[in-house]
Protein backbone atom coordinates (compact mmCIF):
# COMPACT_ATOMS: atom_id res chain seq x y z
CA MET A 1 -56.84 51.47 29.55
CA THR A 2 -54.10 49.31 28.34
CA GLU A 3 -54.82 47.00 25.12
CA GLU A 4 -55.76 43.73 27.01
CA GLN A 5 -58.01 45.63 29.18
CA ILE A 6 -59.89 47.23 25.69
CA LYS A 7 -60.05 43.32 24.50
CA GLU A 8 -61.06 41.87 27.67
CA LYS A 9 -64.16 44.47 27.73
CA LEU A 10 -64.96 44.11 24.08
CA SER A 11 -65.51 40.16 24.94
CA ASP A 12 -67.77 40.85 27.56
CA ALA A 13 -69.57 43.07 26.01
CA PHE A 14 -70.30 40.40 23.18
CA ILE A 15 -71.21 37.80 25.41
CA SER A 16 -73.29 40.07 27.49
CA VAL A 17 -75.06 41.22 23.97
CA ILE A 18 -75.44 36.88 23.29
CA ALA A 19 -76.81 36.40 26.75
CA ASN A 20 -79.18 39.39 27.22
CA TYR A 21 -80.65 38.88 23.90
CA LYS A 22 -82.04 35.54 24.85
CA GLY A 23 -82.90 36.94 27.75
CA TYR A 24 -80.14 35.35 29.72
CA LYS A 25 -78.59 37.30 33.12
CA LEU A 26 -74.43 37.86 33.68
CA GLN A 27 -74.27 38.72 37.44
CA LYS A 28 -70.00 39.63 38.01
CA PRO A 29 -68.97 37.79 41.05
CA ASP A 30 -67.06 39.86 43.50
CA ASP A 31 -64.16 37.06 44.07
CA THR A 32 -63.58 36.16 40.81
CA GLY A 33 -62.20 32.73 41.94
CA GLY A 34 -61.56 32.07 38.68
CA VAL A 35 -65.11 32.67 37.53
CA ASP A 36 -66.17 36.13 34.91
CA PHE A 37 -69.52 35.37 34.70
CA SER A 38 -71.80 33.54 36.14
CA VAL A 39 -74.95 33.14 34.22
CA THR A 40 -78.57 32.09 35.05
CA TYR A 41 -82.17 32.80 33.62
CA ASP A 42 -85.91 33.26 35.51
CA LYS A 43 -88.79 30.98 34.94
CA ILE A 44 -92.07 32.59 34.23
CA LEU A 45 -94.73 31.23 36.72
CA SER A 46 -98.45 32.08 37.05
CA ARG A 47 -99.92 32.75 40.12
CA ASN A 48 -103.51 33.88 40.36
CA GLY A 49 -103.21 34.92 36.30
CA LYS A 50 -100.14 37.22 36.94
CA LYS A 51 -97.05 36.39 35.66
CA ARG A 52 -93.97 36.12 38.54
CA TYR A 53 -90.39 35.73 37.76
CA ILE A 54 -88.45 33.22 39.95
CA GLN A 55 -84.32 32.92 39.21
CA SER A 56 -84.11 29.14 37.67
CA GLY A 57 -81.11 28.80 40.67
CA GLU A 58 -79.48 26.73 37.51
CA TYR A 59 -76.17 28.82 36.16
CA ILE A 60 -73.22 28.63 34.87
CA ASP A 61 -69.52 29.68 34.97
CA LEU A 62 -67.79 31.50 32.74
CA GLN A 63 -64.16 32.20 31.85
CA LEU A 64 -63.35 34.57 29.22
CA LYS A 65 -60.13 35.30 27.42
CA ALA A 66 -59.36 37.54 24.48
CA THR A 67 -56.14 37.37 22.09
CA GLN A 68 -55.87 37.91 18.74
CA GLU A 69 -55.83 36.05 15.62
CA HIS A 70 -51.74 35.69 15.33
CA ARG A 71 -51.93 33.86 18.91
CA ILE A 72 -54.37 31.09 17.21
CA ILE A 73 -53.41 27.86 15.06
CA PHE A 74 -56.19 27.22 12.39
CA GLU A 75 -56.77 24.38 11.04
CA GLU A 76 -59.36 22.89 9.12
CA ASN A 77 -61.85 21.63 11.56
CA THR A 78 -60.03 23.18 14.82
CA LEU A 79 -57.95 25.72 16.32
CA LYS A 80 -55.43 25.59 18.91
CA TYR A 81 -54.46 27.89 21.88
CA ASP A 82 -52.45 28.22 24.05
CA LEU A 83 -54.00 28.44 27.91
CA GLU A 84 -52.88 29.06 31.07
CA ALA A 85 -52.03 26.05 33.11
CA LYS A 86 -53.60 27.46 35.90
CA THR A 87 -56.82 27.68 34.15
CA TYR A 88 -57.07 24.56 31.93
CA ASN A 89 -56.37 22.88 35.77
CA ASP A 90 -59.87 25.61 37.00
CA LEU A 91 -61.75 23.69 34.18
CA ILE A 92 -60.96 20.46 34.34
CA PHE A 93 -61.48 20.37 38.34
CA ARG A 94 -64.99 21.43 37.97
CA PHE A 95 -65.62 19.46 35.40
CA ASN A 96 -64.67 16.56 37.49
CA TYR A 97 -66.27 17.84 41.03
CA GLY A 98 -68.10 21.21 40.05
CA ASN A 99 -71.69 21.72 40.91
CA ALA A 100 -72.75 23.68 38.02
CA PRO A 101 -69.91 23.83 34.71
CA LEU A 102 -67.51 26.10 34.15
CA ILE A 103 -67.08 26.95 30.00
CA LEU A 104 -63.83 29.04 28.83
CA ILE A 105 -65.08 31.45 26.21
CA LEU A 106 -62.31 32.79 23.40
CA ALA A 107 -62.68 35.76 21.82
CA ILE A 108 -60.32 35.68 18.54
CA LEU A 109 -60.00 39.63 17.56
CA PRO A 110 -58.67 41.19 14.41
CA ASP A 111 -55.03 41.63 13.92
CA ASN A 112 -55.59 45.20 13.17
CA ASN A 113 -56.88 47.28 16.18
CA THR A 114 -58.57 49.62 14.11
CA MET A 115 -60.96 46.31 12.89
CA TRP A 116 -61.90 45.80 17.00
CA ALA A 117 -65.12 47.46 16.45
CA GLN A 118 -67.42 49.72 14.02
CA ILE A 119 -70.31 51.73 13.51
CA GLY A 120 -72.96 52.44 11.28
CA ASP A 121 -76.08 53.52 10.39
CA PHE A 122 -78.40 50.83 12.55
CA ASN A 123 -75.47 48.82 13.78
CA LEU A 124 -72.55 47.96 15.76
CA ILE A 125 -69.98 45.64 14.15
CA MET A 126 -68.25 43.83 17.00
CA ASN A 127 -65.72 41.86 14.64
CA GLN A 128 -64.41 38.78 16.70
CA ARG A 129 -65.10 35.30 16.15
CA VAL A 130 -65.92 33.62 19.87
CA TYR A 131 -65.78 30.02 20.93
CA TYR A 132 -65.99 28.13 24.18
CA PHE A 133 -64.32 25.13 25.38
CA TYR A 134 -65.46 22.40 27.52
CA PRO A 135 -63.40 19.68 29.41
CA ASN A 136 -64.39 16.28 28.28
CA ILE A 137 -64.23 12.66 30.61
CA ASP A 138 -60.84 12.04 28.88
CA MET A 139 -59.21 15.28 29.87
CA GLU A 140 -57.05 15.61 32.73
CA GLU A 141 -54.80 18.10 35.35
CA THR A 142 -51.52 19.63 33.41
CA ASN A 143 -48.25 19.83 35.38
CA ASN A 144 -47.47 22.36 33.08
CA GLN A 145 -46.23 25.17 34.55
CA THR A 146 -47.33 28.46 32.37
CA THR A 147 -49.25 26.89 29.55
CA ILE A 148 -51.51 23.84 27.88
CA ARG A 149 -52.18 24.02 24.34
CA ILE A 150 -55.86 23.08 23.92
CA GLU A 151 -57.63 22.73 20.47
CA ILE A 152 -60.81 24.13 19.95
CA PRO A 153 -63.18 22.82 17.80
CA ILE A 154 -64.67 24.78 15.18
CA ALA A 155 -68.08 23.82 15.52
CA ASN A 156 -67.23 25.39 18.74
CA LYS A 157 -68.38 28.87 17.47
CA ILE A 158 -70.49 30.86 19.55
CA ASP A 159 -73.90 32.04 17.75
CA LEU A 160 -77.25 33.28 19.89
CA ASP A 161 -78.65 29.87 20.40
CA PHE A 162 -75.92 29.21 22.85
CA PHE A 163 -76.63 29.69 26.26
CA PRO A 164 -79.97 27.73 25.35
CA ASN A 165 -77.81 25.29 23.88
CA ARG A 166 -75.52 25.03 27.12
CA PHE A 167 -78.53 24.68 29.61
CA GLN A 168 -80.66 22.46 27.78
CA GLU A 169 -77.10 20.05 27.91
CA HIS A 170 -76.18 20.99 31.36
CA TYR A 171 -79.84 20.96 33.16
CA ARG A 172 -82.20 18.76 31.14
């Protein structure tokens, strides 16, 4: 695999662990249309004393990007990243017209690729800092042809409650 493919697979694995740990399911669309994963979950119903797991019908779509530290501008409360203009416009379009959110996930790996993953006796360490970007009402599509610099608050760092919190924000 190329280095870009390895970074992509490592970011996929990270987000899979975060989702699965909290009981969310990732689905990879056949024809992505700018979506790398759709995330959903099951609701638990009790019928006649038996549990039944029914897909909620609620979902969040993800667009994943993986990069290395040298491609990021770190500031006190934000980080800056040059995102492809077409991806940015997809995010804005879905914010304005979509039924479900499309969230950008940005995985930042160390510049030294020997640090990307390490294994110990009882753990697997995936050395990534992962943040999310979601447009706001003030953002408009860009006319840029190549990239647009986005700012992501450091507070948007992904933790184990990322999916429960995003579903709570968008569906409750």
